[in-house]
N, C-alpha and C. Protein backbone atom coordinates (compact mmCIF):
# COMPACT_ATOMS: atom_id res chain seq x y z
N MET A 1 -28.09 65.56 19.47
CA MET A 1 -29.50 65.25 19.65
C MET A 1 -29.92 64.08 18.76
N ASP A 2 -29.50 64.15 17.50
CA ASP A 2 -29.83 63.07 16.57
C ASP A 2 -29.24 61.75 17.04
N PHE A 3 -28.00 61.83 17.53
CA PHE A 3 -27.34 60.61 18.02
C PHE A 3 -28.08 60.04 19.22
N LEU A 4 -28.58 60.93 20.11
CA LEU A 4 -29.32 60.50 21.29
C LEU A 4 -30.61 59.79 20.88
N ILE A 5 -31.34 60.40 19.94
CA ILE A 5 -32.58 59.79 19.45
C ILE A 5 -32.31 58.42 18.85
N LEU A 6 -31.26 58.33 18.03
CA LEU A 6 -30.93 57.06 17.39
C LEU A 6 -30.52 56.02 18.42
N SER A 7 -29.74 56.44 19.42
CA SER A 7 -29.27 55.50 20.45
C SER A 7 -30.44 54.95 21.26
N ILE A 8 -31.35 55.85 21.67
CA ILE A 8 -32.52 55.42 22.43
C ILE A 8 -33.39 54.49 21.59
N GLY A 9 -33.56 54.85 20.32
CA GLY A 9 -34.37 54.03 19.43
C GLY A 9 -33.80 52.64 19.24
N VAL A 10 -32.50 52.56 19.07
CA VAL A 10 -31.84 51.27 18.87
C VAL A 10 -31.95 50.42 20.14
N LEU A 11 -31.84 51.06 21.32
CA LEU A 11 -31.98 50.33 22.58
C LEU A 11 -33.39 49.77 22.76
N LEU A 12 -34.38 50.53 22.30
CA LEU A 12 -35.78 50.11 22.45
C LEU A 12 -36.25 49.19 21.32
N ALA A 13 -35.46 49.10 20.26
CA ALA A 13 -35.88 48.36 19.06
C ALA A 13 -36.25 46.89 19.33
N PRO A 14 -35.55 46.19 20.24
CA PRO A 14 -35.92 44.77 20.46
C PRO A 14 -37.22 44.57 21.20
N LEU A 15 -37.77 45.61 21.83
CA LEU A 15 -38.95 45.43 22.70
C LEU A 15 -40.17 44.84 21.98
N PRO A 16 -40.54 45.35 20.79
CA PRO A 16 -41.72 44.76 20.13
C PRO A 16 -41.57 43.27 19.85
N GLY A 17 -40.40 42.85 19.38
CA GLY A 17 -40.18 41.44 19.11
C GLY A 17 -40.21 40.60 20.37
N ALA A 18 -39.60 41.13 21.44
CA ALA A 18 -39.55 40.38 22.70
C ALA A 18 -40.95 40.19 23.29
N PHE A 19 -41.83 41.18 23.10
CA PHE A 19 -43.21 41.06 23.56
C PHE A 19 -44.05 40.17 22.64
N LEU A 20 -43.93 40.42 21.34
CA LEU A 20 -44.90 39.86 20.40
C LEU A 20 -44.57 38.46 19.91
N ALA A 21 -43.28 38.12 19.75
CA ALA A 21 -42.95 36.77 19.26
C ALA A 21 -43.49 35.67 20.19
N PRO A 22 -43.26 35.76 21.51
CA PRO A 22 -43.86 34.74 22.40
C PRO A 22 -45.38 34.79 22.40
N MET A 23 -45.94 35.99 22.28
CA MET A 23 -47.40 36.11 22.24
C MET A 23 -47.97 35.38 21.03
N ILE A 24 -47.38 35.61 19.86
CA ILE A 24 -47.82 34.93 18.64
C ILE A 24 -47.75 33.42 18.83
N HIS A 25 -46.63 32.96 19.39
CA HIS A 25 -46.41 31.53 19.60
C HIS A 25 -47.51 30.93 20.48
N GLU A 26 -47.74 31.54 21.63
CA GLU A 26 -48.69 30.99 22.58
C GLU A 26 -50.14 31.18 22.12
N TRP A 27 -50.42 32.29 21.42
CA TRP A 27 -51.77 32.51 20.94
C TRP A 27 -52.15 31.46 19.89
N VAL A 28 -51.24 31.16 18.98
CA VAL A 28 -51.51 30.14 17.96
C VAL A 28 -51.68 28.77 18.63
N LYS A 29 -50.87 28.51 19.64
CA LYS A 29 -51.00 27.26 20.40
C LYS A 29 -52.39 27.18 21.04
N ALA A 30 -52.84 28.26 21.64
CA ALA A 30 -54.16 28.29 22.27
C ALA A 30 -55.27 28.09 21.25
N CYS A 31 -55.18 28.78 20.12
CA CYS A 31 -56.22 28.67 19.09
C CYS A 31 -56.26 27.27 18.49
N THR A 32 -55.08 26.69 18.24
CA THR A 32 -55.03 25.35 17.66
C THR A 32 -55.66 24.33 18.59
N SER A 33 -55.31 24.42 19.89
CA SER A 33 -55.88 23.48 20.85
C SER A 33 -57.39 23.68 20.97
N ALA A 34 -57.84 24.94 20.94
CA ALA A 34 -59.28 25.22 21.04
C ALA A 34 -60.03 24.67 19.83
N VAL A 35 -59.45 24.82 18.64
CA VAL A 35 -60.08 24.30 17.41
C VAL A 35 -60.20 22.78 17.48
N LEU A 36 -59.26 22.14 18.14
CA LEU A 36 -59.28 20.68 18.27
C LEU A 36 -60.20 20.20 19.38
N GLY A 37 -60.91 21.14 20.00
CA GLY A 37 -61.91 20.76 20.99
C GLY A 37 -61.55 20.97 22.44
N ASP A 38 -60.38 21.52 22.69
CA ASP A 38 -59.91 21.71 24.07
C ASP A 38 -60.44 23.04 24.61
N PRO A 39 -61.25 23.02 25.69
CA PRO A 39 -61.77 24.27 26.25
C PRO A 39 -60.79 24.97 27.20
N SER A 40 -59.67 24.33 27.52
CA SER A 40 -58.75 24.87 28.52
C SER A 40 -58.22 26.27 28.20
N PRO A 41 -57.74 26.53 26.96
CA PRO A 41 -57.23 27.88 26.67
C PRO A 41 -58.29 28.97 26.83
N ARG A 42 -59.51 28.69 26.38
CA ARG A 42 -60.58 29.69 26.50
C ARG A 42 -60.92 29.94 27.96
N LYS A 43 -61.03 28.88 28.74
CA LYS A 43 -61.37 29.03 30.15
C LYS A 43 -60.30 29.82 30.90
N ALA A 44 -59.05 29.66 30.49
CA ALA A 44 -57.95 30.37 31.14
C ALA A 44 -57.75 31.77 30.56
N GLY A 45 -58.55 32.14 29.56
CA GLY A 45 -58.48 33.48 28.98
C GLY A 45 -57.33 33.71 28.03
N PHE A 46 -56.86 32.64 27.38
CA PHE A 46 -55.69 32.75 26.52
C PHE A 46 -56.02 32.99 25.05
N LEU A 47 -57.31 33.05 24.70
CA LEU A 47 -57.66 33.40 23.33
C LEU A 47 -57.77 34.92 23.25
N SER A 48 -56.66 35.58 23.56
CA SER A 48 -56.63 37.03 23.67
C SER A 48 -55.42 37.57 22.92
N TRP A 49 -55.56 38.79 22.36
CA TRP A 49 -54.45 39.46 21.70
C TRP A 49 -53.72 40.40 22.65
N ASN A 50 -54.03 40.34 23.93
CA ASN A 50 -53.33 41.16 24.92
C ASN A 50 -51.96 40.55 25.21
N PRO A 51 -50.86 41.21 24.79
CA PRO A 51 -49.53 40.61 24.99
C PRO A 51 -49.18 40.38 26.45
N LEU A 52 -49.79 41.16 27.36
CA LEU A 52 -49.49 40.99 28.78
C LEU A 52 -49.99 39.63 29.30
N LYS A 53 -51.01 39.08 28.63
CA LYS A 53 -51.53 37.77 29.03
C LYS A 53 -50.46 36.69 28.84
N TYR A 54 -49.59 36.90 27.89
CA TYR A 54 -48.57 35.91 27.55
C TYR A 54 -47.20 36.28 28.10
N PHE A 55 -47.16 37.34 28.89
CA PHE A 55 -45.89 37.85 29.41
C PHE A 55 -45.35 36.95 30.51
N GLU A 56 -44.11 36.53 30.36
CA GLU A 56 -43.41 35.74 31.38
C GLU A 56 -42.07 36.43 31.61
N PRO A 57 -41.84 36.97 32.80
CA PRO A 57 -40.69 37.87 33.02
C PRO A 57 -39.34 37.29 32.63
N ILE A 58 -39.05 36.06 33.06
CA ILE A 58 -37.74 35.48 32.76
C ILE A 58 -37.60 35.23 31.26
N GLY A 59 -38.64 34.67 30.65
CA GLY A 59 -38.60 34.43 29.22
C GLY A 59 -38.45 35.72 28.43
N PHE A 60 -39.10 36.79 28.90
CA PHE A 60 -39.00 38.10 28.25
C PHE A 60 -37.58 38.64 28.34
N LEU A 61 -36.97 38.54 29.51
CA LEU A 61 -35.59 39.01 29.69
C LEU A 61 -34.62 38.22 28.81
N PHE A 62 -34.87 36.93 28.67
CA PHE A 62 -34.03 36.12 27.80
C PHE A 62 -34.22 36.53 26.33
N MET A 63 -35.46 36.87 25.96
CA MET A 63 -35.70 37.35 24.60
C MET A 63 -34.89 38.62 24.34
N LEU A 64 -34.89 39.53 25.30
CA LEU A 64 -34.16 40.79 25.13
C LEU A 64 -32.66 40.57 25.09
N ALA A 65 -32.17 39.71 26.00
CA ALA A 65 -30.73 39.53 26.13
C ALA A 65 -30.14 38.64 25.06
N PHE A 66 -30.87 37.59 24.67
CA PHE A 66 -30.29 36.57 23.79
C PHE A 66 -31.07 36.34 22.50
N GLY A 67 -32.21 37.03 22.35
CA GLY A 67 -32.99 36.89 21.13
C GLY A 67 -33.92 35.70 21.11
N VAL A 68 -33.85 34.85 22.13
CA VAL A 68 -34.76 33.71 22.26
C VAL A 68 -35.20 33.60 23.71
N GLY A 69 -36.39 33.08 23.90
CA GLY A 69 -36.93 32.93 25.25
C GLY A 69 -38.25 32.20 25.19
N TRP A 70 -39.21 32.64 25.96
CA TRP A 70 -40.51 31.96 25.98
C TRP A 70 -41.54 32.90 26.60
N GLY A 71 -42.80 32.56 26.39
CA GLY A 71 -43.90 33.30 26.99
C GLY A 71 -44.56 32.45 28.06
N ARG A 72 -45.62 32.99 28.65
CA ARG A 72 -46.38 32.25 29.66
C ARG A 72 -47.08 31.09 28.98
N PRO A 73 -46.81 29.86 29.42
CA PRO A 73 -47.36 28.69 28.72
C PRO A 73 -48.89 28.64 28.77
N VAL A 74 -49.49 28.36 27.63
CA VAL A 74 -50.94 28.19 27.55
C VAL A 74 -51.32 26.80 28.07
N PRO A 75 -52.29 26.71 28.96
CA PRO A 75 -52.73 25.38 29.41
C PRO A 75 -53.52 24.67 28.33
N THR A 76 -53.13 23.45 28.03
CA THR A 76 -53.84 22.64 27.04
C THR A 76 -54.03 21.23 27.60
N SER A 77 -55.00 20.53 27.06
CA SER A 77 -55.26 19.16 27.49
C SER A 77 -55.51 18.28 26.27
N ALA A 78 -54.65 17.29 26.07
CA ALA A 78 -54.79 16.38 24.94
C ALA A 78 -55.99 15.45 25.11
N PHE A 79 -56.60 15.44 26.29
CA PHE A 79 -57.75 14.57 26.56
C PHE A 79 -58.90 14.84 25.59
N TYR A 80 -58.99 16.08 25.11
CA TYR A 80 -60.12 16.48 24.28
C TYR A 80 -59.88 16.25 22.78
N TYR A 81 -58.67 15.88 22.40
CA TYR A 81 -58.38 15.69 20.98
C TYR A 81 -58.89 14.33 20.52
N LYS A 82 -59.49 14.27 19.34
CA LYS A 82 -59.94 13.00 18.80
C LYS A 82 -58.77 12.06 18.55
N ASP A 83 -57.71 12.60 17.97
CA ASP A 83 -56.46 11.86 17.78
C ASP A 83 -55.42 12.56 18.64
N ARG A 84 -55.13 11.99 19.80
CA ARG A 84 -54.30 12.70 20.78
C ARG A 84 -52.88 12.95 20.26
N ARG A 85 -52.31 11.95 19.60
CA ARG A 85 -50.94 12.10 19.09
C ARG A 85 -50.89 13.21 18.04
N LEU A 86 -51.79 13.16 17.07
CA LEU A 86 -51.82 14.18 16.03
C LEU A 86 -52.15 15.54 16.63
N GLY A 87 -53.05 15.56 17.59
CA GLY A 87 -53.43 16.82 18.23
C GLY A 87 -52.25 17.49 18.91
N VAL A 88 -51.48 16.72 19.66
CA VAL A 88 -50.31 17.27 20.36
C VAL A 88 -49.29 17.80 19.34
N ILE A 89 -49.10 17.06 18.26
CA ILE A 89 -48.16 17.50 17.22
C ILE A 89 -48.62 18.83 16.63
N LEU A 90 -49.90 18.93 16.27
CA LEU A 90 -50.41 20.16 15.67
C LEU A 90 -50.33 21.34 16.64
N VAL A 91 -50.71 21.10 17.89
CA VAL A 91 -50.74 22.18 18.88
C VAL A 91 -49.36 22.78 19.10
N HIS A 92 -48.32 21.97 18.97
CA HIS A 92 -46.98 22.47 19.25
C HIS A 92 -46.17 22.77 17.99
N ILE A 93 -46.59 22.25 16.85
CA ILE A 93 -45.90 22.55 15.59
C ILE A 93 -46.44 23.81 14.95
N MET A 94 -47.74 24.04 15.03
CA MET A 94 -48.34 25.21 14.39
C MET A 94 -47.75 26.53 14.89
N PRO A 95 -47.51 26.70 16.20
CA PRO A 95 -46.86 27.94 16.65
C PRO A 95 -45.46 28.12 16.07
N ILE A 96 -44.72 27.02 15.94
CA ILE A 96 -43.37 27.09 15.37
C ILE A 96 -43.44 27.53 13.91
N ILE A 97 -44.34 26.90 13.15
CA ILE A 97 -44.51 27.27 11.74
C ILE A 97 -44.95 28.73 11.62
N THR A 98 -45.84 29.16 12.51
CA THR A 98 -46.34 30.54 12.46
C THR A 98 -45.24 31.54 12.74
N ASN A 99 -44.45 31.30 13.80
CA ASN A 99 -43.33 32.20 14.10
C ASN A 99 -42.37 32.29 12.92
N LEU A 100 -42.06 31.16 12.34
CA LEU A 100 -41.15 31.14 11.19
C LEU A 100 -41.76 31.93 10.02
N PHE A 101 -43.03 31.69 9.74
CA PHE A 101 -43.71 32.37 8.64
C PHE A 101 -43.79 33.88 8.88
N VAL A 102 -44.18 34.28 10.09
CA VAL A 102 -44.31 35.71 10.40
C VAL A 102 -42.96 36.41 10.27
N GLY A 103 -41.90 35.79 10.81
CA GLY A 103 -40.58 36.39 10.72
C GLY A 103 -40.14 36.58 9.29
N MET A 104 -40.34 35.57 8.46
CA MET A 104 -39.92 35.66 7.06
C MET A 104 -40.81 36.61 6.28
N LEU A 105 -42.12 36.63 6.57
CA LEU A 105 -43.03 37.53 5.86
C LEU A 105 -42.69 38.99 6.16
N VAL A 106 -42.47 39.30 7.43
CA VAL A 106 -42.14 40.68 7.80
C VAL A 106 -40.83 41.11 7.14
N MET A 107 -39.85 40.20 7.11
CA MET A 107 -38.57 40.54 6.49
C MET A 107 -38.74 40.72 4.98
N PHE A 108 -39.57 39.90 4.36
CA PHE A 108 -39.82 40.02 2.92
C PHE A 108 -40.49 41.36 2.59
N LEU A 109 -41.52 41.72 3.37
CA LEU A 109 -42.23 42.97 3.12
C LEU A 109 -41.31 44.18 3.33
N TRP A 110 -40.50 44.11 4.38
CA TRP A 110 -39.58 45.23 4.64
C TRP A 110 -38.55 45.35 3.53
N SER A 111 -38.01 44.23 3.08
CA SER A 111 -37.00 44.27 2.01
C SER A 111 -37.61 44.79 0.72
N THR A 112 -38.90 44.57 0.54
CA THR A 112 -39.58 45.01 -0.68
C THR A 112 -39.77 46.52 -0.72
N PHE A 113 -40.07 47.10 0.45
CA PHE A 113 -40.43 48.53 0.48
C PHE A 113 -39.39 49.43 1.12
N VAL A 114 -38.33 48.86 1.71
CA VAL A 114 -37.40 49.69 2.49
C VAL A 114 -36.72 50.75 1.64
N ASP A 115 -36.30 50.42 0.44
CA ASP A 115 -35.61 51.42 -0.40
C ASP A 115 -36.55 52.57 -0.75
N SER A 116 -37.80 52.24 -1.07
CA SER A 116 -38.76 53.29 -1.40
C SER A 116 -39.04 54.18 -0.19
N LEU A 117 -39.15 53.56 0.99
CA LEU A 117 -39.43 54.33 2.20
C LEU A 117 -38.27 55.26 2.54
N PHE A 118 -37.04 54.76 2.43
CA PHE A 118 -35.89 55.61 2.70
C PHE A 118 -35.80 56.73 1.66
N GLY A 119 -36.17 56.42 0.42
CA GLY A 119 -36.17 57.43 -0.62
C GLY A 119 -37.15 58.55 -0.34
N MET A 120 -38.29 58.21 0.26
CA MET A 120 -39.32 59.20 0.56
C MET A 120 -38.88 60.19 1.63
N VAL A 121 -38.02 59.74 2.54
CA VAL A 121 -37.63 60.62 3.66
C VAL A 121 -36.20 61.14 3.52
N SER A 122 -35.54 60.82 2.42
CA SER A 122 -34.16 61.27 2.24
C SER A 122 -34.09 62.79 2.28
N GLY A 123 -33.07 63.30 2.96
CA GLY A 123 -32.91 64.74 3.12
C GLY A 123 -33.57 65.30 4.35
N ASN A 124 -34.38 64.48 5.03
CA ASN A 124 -35.02 64.89 6.28
C ASN A 124 -34.42 64.08 7.42
N ASP A 125 -33.62 64.73 8.24
CA ASP A 125 -32.82 64.02 9.25
C ASP A 125 -33.67 63.22 10.22
N ILE A 126 -34.73 63.83 10.77
CA ILE A 126 -35.53 63.15 11.79
C ILE A 126 -36.25 61.93 11.21
N PRO A 127 -36.95 62.05 10.07
CA PRO A 127 -37.58 60.84 9.48
C PRO A 127 -36.57 59.76 9.14
N VAL A 128 -35.38 60.16 8.68
CA VAL A 128 -34.36 59.15 8.37
C VAL A 128 -33.94 58.42 9.64
N LEU A 129 -33.81 59.16 10.75
CA LEU A 129 -33.48 58.53 12.03
C LEU A 129 -34.54 57.51 12.42
N PHE A 130 -35.80 57.90 12.29
CA PHE A 130 -36.89 56.98 12.63
C PHE A 130 -36.91 55.77 11.70
N MET A 131 -36.52 55.95 10.47
CA MET A 131 -36.44 54.84 9.54
C MET A 131 -35.35 53.85 9.97
N HIS A 132 -34.22 54.39 10.45
CA HIS A 132 -33.16 53.51 10.94
C HIS A 132 -33.63 52.73 12.17
N VAL A 133 -34.35 53.41 13.05
CA VAL A 133 -34.89 52.74 14.24
C VAL A 133 -35.91 51.68 13.82
N ALA A 134 -36.77 52.02 12.85
CA ALA A 134 -37.75 51.05 12.35
C ALA A 134 -37.06 49.85 11.74
N HIS A 135 -35.99 50.10 11.00
CA HIS A 135 -35.24 49.00 10.38
C HIS A 135 -34.69 48.06 11.45
N SER A 136 -34.12 48.66 12.51
CA SER A 136 -33.57 47.84 13.60
C SER A 136 -34.67 47.06 14.29
N SER A 137 -35.81 47.71 14.55
CA SER A 137 -36.92 47.06 15.25
C SER A 137 -37.49 45.90 14.43
N ILE A 138 -37.68 46.12 13.14
CA ILE A 138 -38.22 45.08 12.27
C ILE A 138 -37.25 43.92 12.13
N HIS A 139 -35.97 44.24 12.04
CA HIS A 139 -34.96 43.18 11.97
C HIS A 139 -34.99 42.32 13.23
N HIS A 140 -35.07 42.97 14.40
CA HIS A 140 -35.16 42.22 15.66
C HIS A 140 -36.44 41.38 15.71
N PHE A 141 -37.55 41.99 15.29
CA PHE A 141 -38.83 41.29 15.32
C PHE A 141 -38.78 40.02 14.47
N ALA A 142 -38.26 40.15 13.25
CA ALA A 142 -38.16 39.00 12.35
C ALA A 142 -37.22 37.94 12.92
N ALA A 143 -36.05 38.39 13.40
CA ALA A 143 -35.05 37.45 13.92
C ALA A 143 -35.56 36.73 15.17
N MET A 144 -36.30 37.45 16.02
CA MET A 144 -36.82 36.83 17.25
C MET A 144 -37.89 35.79 16.93
N ASN A 145 -38.73 36.07 15.94
CA ASN A 145 -39.74 35.09 15.56
C ASN A 145 -39.09 33.83 14.98
N ILE A 146 -38.13 34.03 14.10
CA ILE A 146 -37.45 32.88 13.49
C ILE A 146 -36.64 32.13 14.54
N GLY A 147 -35.93 32.88 15.38
CA GLY A 147 -35.14 32.25 16.44
C GLY A 147 -35.99 31.47 17.42
N LEU A 148 -37.15 32.04 17.79
CA LEU A 148 -38.05 31.35 18.72
C LEU A 148 -38.58 30.07 18.11
N ALA A 149 -38.87 30.09 16.80
CA ALA A 149 -39.36 28.88 16.12
C ALA A 149 -38.35 27.75 16.24
N ILE A 150 -37.08 28.06 16.05
CA ILE A 150 -36.03 27.04 16.10
C ILE A 150 -35.74 26.63 17.55
N PHE A 151 -35.62 27.63 18.42
CA PHE A 151 -35.31 27.39 19.83
C PHE A 151 -36.39 26.53 20.49
N SER A 152 -37.65 26.70 20.05
CA SER A 152 -38.76 25.97 20.67
C SER A 152 -38.66 24.46 20.48
N LEU A 153 -37.84 24.02 19.55
CA LEU A 153 -37.69 22.58 19.31
C LEU A 153 -36.83 21.89 20.37
N ILE A 154 -36.14 22.67 21.20
CA ILE A 154 -35.32 22.08 22.27
C ILE A 154 -36.24 21.38 23.27
N PRO A 155 -35.94 20.14 23.64
CA PRO A 155 -36.82 19.41 24.56
C PRO A 155 -36.65 19.84 26.02
N MET A 156 -37.04 21.09 26.29
CA MET A 156 -36.95 21.64 27.64
C MET A 156 -38.25 22.35 27.97
N TYR A 157 -38.84 22.05 29.11
CA TYR A 157 -40.05 22.77 29.53
C TYR A 157 -39.70 24.24 29.76
N PRO A 158 -40.52 25.19 29.28
CA PRO A 158 -41.85 25.05 28.69
C PRO A 158 -41.85 25.04 27.16
N LEU A 159 -40.75 24.69 26.53
CA LEU A 159 -40.67 24.75 25.07
C LEU A 159 -41.41 23.59 24.43
N ALA A 160 -41.78 23.77 23.15
CA ALA A 160 -42.57 22.77 22.43
C ALA A 160 -41.86 21.44 22.32
N GLY A 161 -40.54 21.48 22.24
CA GLY A 161 -39.78 20.24 22.11
C GLY A 161 -40.00 19.28 23.25
N SER A 162 -40.33 19.81 24.45
CA SER A 162 -40.56 18.93 25.61
C SER A 162 -41.85 18.14 25.45
N LYS A 163 -42.77 18.58 24.58
CA LYS A 163 -44.01 17.86 24.31
C LYS A 163 -43.91 17.01 23.05
N LEU A 164 -43.06 17.43 22.11
CA LEU A 164 -42.96 16.71 20.85
C LEU A 164 -42.04 15.49 20.93
N LEU A 165 -40.91 15.65 21.57
CA LEU A 165 -39.95 14.54 21.62
C LEU A 165 -40.53 13.26 22.21
N PRO A 166 -41.31 13.33 23.32
CA PRO A 166 -41.87 12.10 23.89
C PRO A 166 -42.73 11.29 22.92
N LEU A 167 -43.23 11.93 21.86
CA LEU A 167 -44.06 11.22 20.89
C LEU A 167 -43.23 10.33 19.97
N PHE A 168 -41.92 10.53 19.96
CA PHE A 168 -41.07 9.83 19.00
C PHE A 168 -39.98 8.99 19.66
N VAL A 169 -40.02 8.87 20.98
CA VAL A 169 -39.03 8.05 21.68
C VAL A 169 -39.74 7.05 22.58
N SER A 170 -39.00 6.14 23.13
CA SER A 170 -39.58 5.08 23.96
C SER A 170 -40.04 5.64 25.30
N PRO A 171 -41.00 4.97 25.96
CA PRO A 171 -41.46 5.41 27.29
C PRO A 171 -40.30 5.49 28.30
N ASN A 172 -39.34 4.59 28.17
CA ASN A 172 -38.19 4.61 29.08
C ASN A 172 -37.38 5.90 28.90
N THR A 173 -37.21 6.30 27.65
CA THR A 173 -36.48 7.54 27.37
C THR A 173 -37.24 8.75 27.91
N VAL A 174 -38.57 8.72 27.77
CA VAL A 174 -39.40 9.80 28.29
C VAL A 174 -39.22 9.91 29.81
N MET A 175 -39.23 8.77 30.49
CA MET A 175 -39.06 8.77 31.95
C MET A 175 -37.69 9.34 32.34
N GLN A 176 -36.65 8.96 31.59
CA GLN A 176 -35.31 9.49 31.88
C GLN A 176 -35.23 11.00 31.65
N LEU A 177 -35.90 11.46 30.59
CA LEU A 177 -35.91 12.90 30.32
C LEU A 177 -36.64 13.65 31.43
N ASN A 178 -37.76 13.10 31.89
CA ASN A 178 -38.51 13.74 32.98
C ASN A 178 -37.67 13.82 34.25
N GLN A 179 -36.90 12.78 34.51
CA GLN A 179 -36.05 12.77 35.69
C GLN A 179 -34.92 13.79 35.59
N ARG A 180 -34.56 14.13 34.37
CA ARG A 180 -33.44 15.07 34.14
C ARG A 180 -33.93 16.46 33.71
N GLU A 181 -35.19 16.76 33.97
CA GLU A 181 -35.77 18.02 33.50
C GLU A 181 -35.01 19.23 34.03
N LYS A 182 -34.75 19.27 35.33
CA LYS A 182 -34.06 20.41 35.93
C LYS A 182 -32.62 20.56 35.40
N PRO A 183 -31.83 19.46 35.35
CA PRO A 183 -30.49 19.61 34.78
C PRO A 183 -30.51 20.08 33.33
N ILE A 184 -31.48 19.60 32.53
CA ILE A 184 -31.59 20.04 31.13
C ILE A 184 -31.86 21.53 31.08
N GLN A 185 -32.78 22.01 31.92
CA GLN A 185 -33.09 23.44 31.96
C GLN A 185 -31.84 24.24 32.33
N ALA A 186 -31.11 23.75 33.33
CA ALA A 186 -29.90 24.47 33.77
C ALA A 186 -28.86 24.53 32.66
N ILE A 187 -28.69 23.42 31.94
CA ILE A 187 -27.70 23.38 30.86
C ILE A 187 -28.08 24.35 29.75
N VAL A 188 -29.36 24.35 29.37
CA VAL A 188 -29.82 25.25 28.30
C VAL A 188 -29.62 26.71 28.71
N ILE A 189 -29.97 27.05 29.94
CA ILE A 189 -29.81 28.43 30.41
C ILE A 189 -28.34 28.84 30.44
N ILE A 190 -27.48 27.93 30.89
CA ILE A 190 -26.04 28.22 30.91
C ILE A 190 -25.52 28.44 29.50
N LEU A 191 -25.96 27.59 28.57
CA LEU A 191 -25.53 27.74 27.17
C LEU A 191 -26.05 29.04 26.56
N LEU A 192 -27.22 29.48 27.01
CA LEU A 192 -27.73 30.77 26.55
C LEU A 192 -26.89 31.92 27.10
N ILE A 193 -26.65 31.88 28.40
CA ILE A 193 -25.92 32.96 29.06
C ILE A 193 -24.51 33.12 28.48
N PHE A 194 -23.87 32.00 28.16
CA PHE A 194 -22.51 32.05 27.62
C PHE A 194 -22.49 32.19 26.09
N GLY A 195 -23.67 32.37 25.51
CA GLY A 195 -23.75 32.68 24.09
C GLY A 195 -23.61 31.52 23.14
N VAL A 196 -23.60 30.30 23.67
CA VAL A 196 -23.41 29.13 22.80
C VAL A 196 -24.63 28.92 21.91
N ILE A 197 -25.82 28.94 22.51
CA ILE A 197 -27.03 28.73 21.72
C ILE A 197 -27.25 29.86 20.70
N PRO A 198 -27.13 31.14 21.10
CA PRO A 198 -27.24 32.19 20.07
C PRO A 198 -26.22 32.03 18.95
N MET A 199 -25.00 31.60 19.27
CA MET A 199 -23.98 31.40 18.25
C MET A 199 -24.39 30.31 17.26
N LEU A 200 -25.06 29.26 17.77
CA LEU A 200 -25.52 28.18 16.90
C LEU A 200 -26.76 28.58 16.11
N LEU A 201 -27.61 29.39 16.72
CA LEU A 201 -28.87 29.77 16.07
C LEU A 201 -28.69 30.87 15.02
N ASN A 202 -27.77 31.78 15.25
CA ASN A 202 -27.64 32.95 14.37
C ASN A 202 -27.43 32.59 12.90
N PRO A 203 -26.57 31.61 12.56
CA PRO A 203 -26.44 31.26 11.14
C PRO A 203 -27.74 30.72 10.54
N ILE A 204 -28.52 29.99 11.33
CA ILE A 204 -29.80 29.45 10.84
C ILE A 204 -30.79 30.59 10.64
N ILE A 205 -30.84 31.52 11.60
CA ILE A 205 -31.72 32.68 11.48
C ILE A 205 -31.34 33.50 10.25
N ASP A 206 -30.04 33.75 10.08
CA ASP A 206 -29.56 34.51 8.92
C ASP A 206 -29.93 33.82 7.61
N PHE A 207 -29.87 32.49 7.60
CA PHE A 207 -30.22 31.74 6.40
C PHE A 207 -31.66 32.01 5.99
N PHE A 208 -32.58 31.90 6.95
CA PHE A 208 -34.00 32.12 6.65
C PHE A 208 -34.26 33.57 6.25
N MET A 209 -33.56 34.51 6.88
CA MET A 209 -33.78 35.91 6.56
C MET A 209 -33.23 36.26 5.18
N ARG A 210 -32.13 35.64 4.81
CA ARG A 210 -31.56 35.90 3.47
C ARG A 210 -32.44 35.32 2.37
N LEU A 211 -33.21 34.28 2.69
CA LEU A 211 -34.10 33.68 1.68
C LEU A 211 -35.13 34.68 1.17
N VAL A 212 -35.50 35.66 2.00
CA VAL A 212 -36.58 36.58 1.64
C VAL A 212 -36.10 38.02 1.53
N TRP A 213 -34.80 38.25 1.62
CA TRP A 213 -34.27 39.61 1.50
C TRP A 213 -33.78 39.84 0.08
N PHE A 214 -34.41 40.76 -0.62
CA PHE A 214 -34.07 41.00 -2.01
C PHE A 214 -33.51 42.41 -2.19
């Protein structure tokens, strides 16, 4: 029975991170754009803490399977920004910084209190099982936030990198990238499915998590 509870808990552990990491990313993007004067996120109802608003089925499945994915993209318009270049940078960098910060903060807080929490429930089999499930869930949540922050830099729609890279390359390069959008998406998805991108991201994720694990 204990093994069954633990197994089910471990299987369900990635769900909070898979739901919430993309939500955090897109919500911060919506808020940043709204603060800069863009009414589009508010009109589309994206200034919401409802995770279902940001749910994108394929991106969610990729989050579960590979630890990285995406949420439903928030509509934004750089037309309303006073400084359009700076506005676009802020709108797409702030979610990345937030995901990274949230992942590291959660891991830091858990590392600070985990020993005390396990000590409080030691000798009680069921609470200890739930603590193991909580540990797995929090680890996934932190790793998914950090992983999403890094993964978002890839210049592939709907990731932030597809909006940031054009600001730093020539118009000709932007045109070539736009023409190759579908092949780029296919390559990234293939690299995800075959584990290449997770293999490259995992050492970086581990690095950030070790920085705050004491």
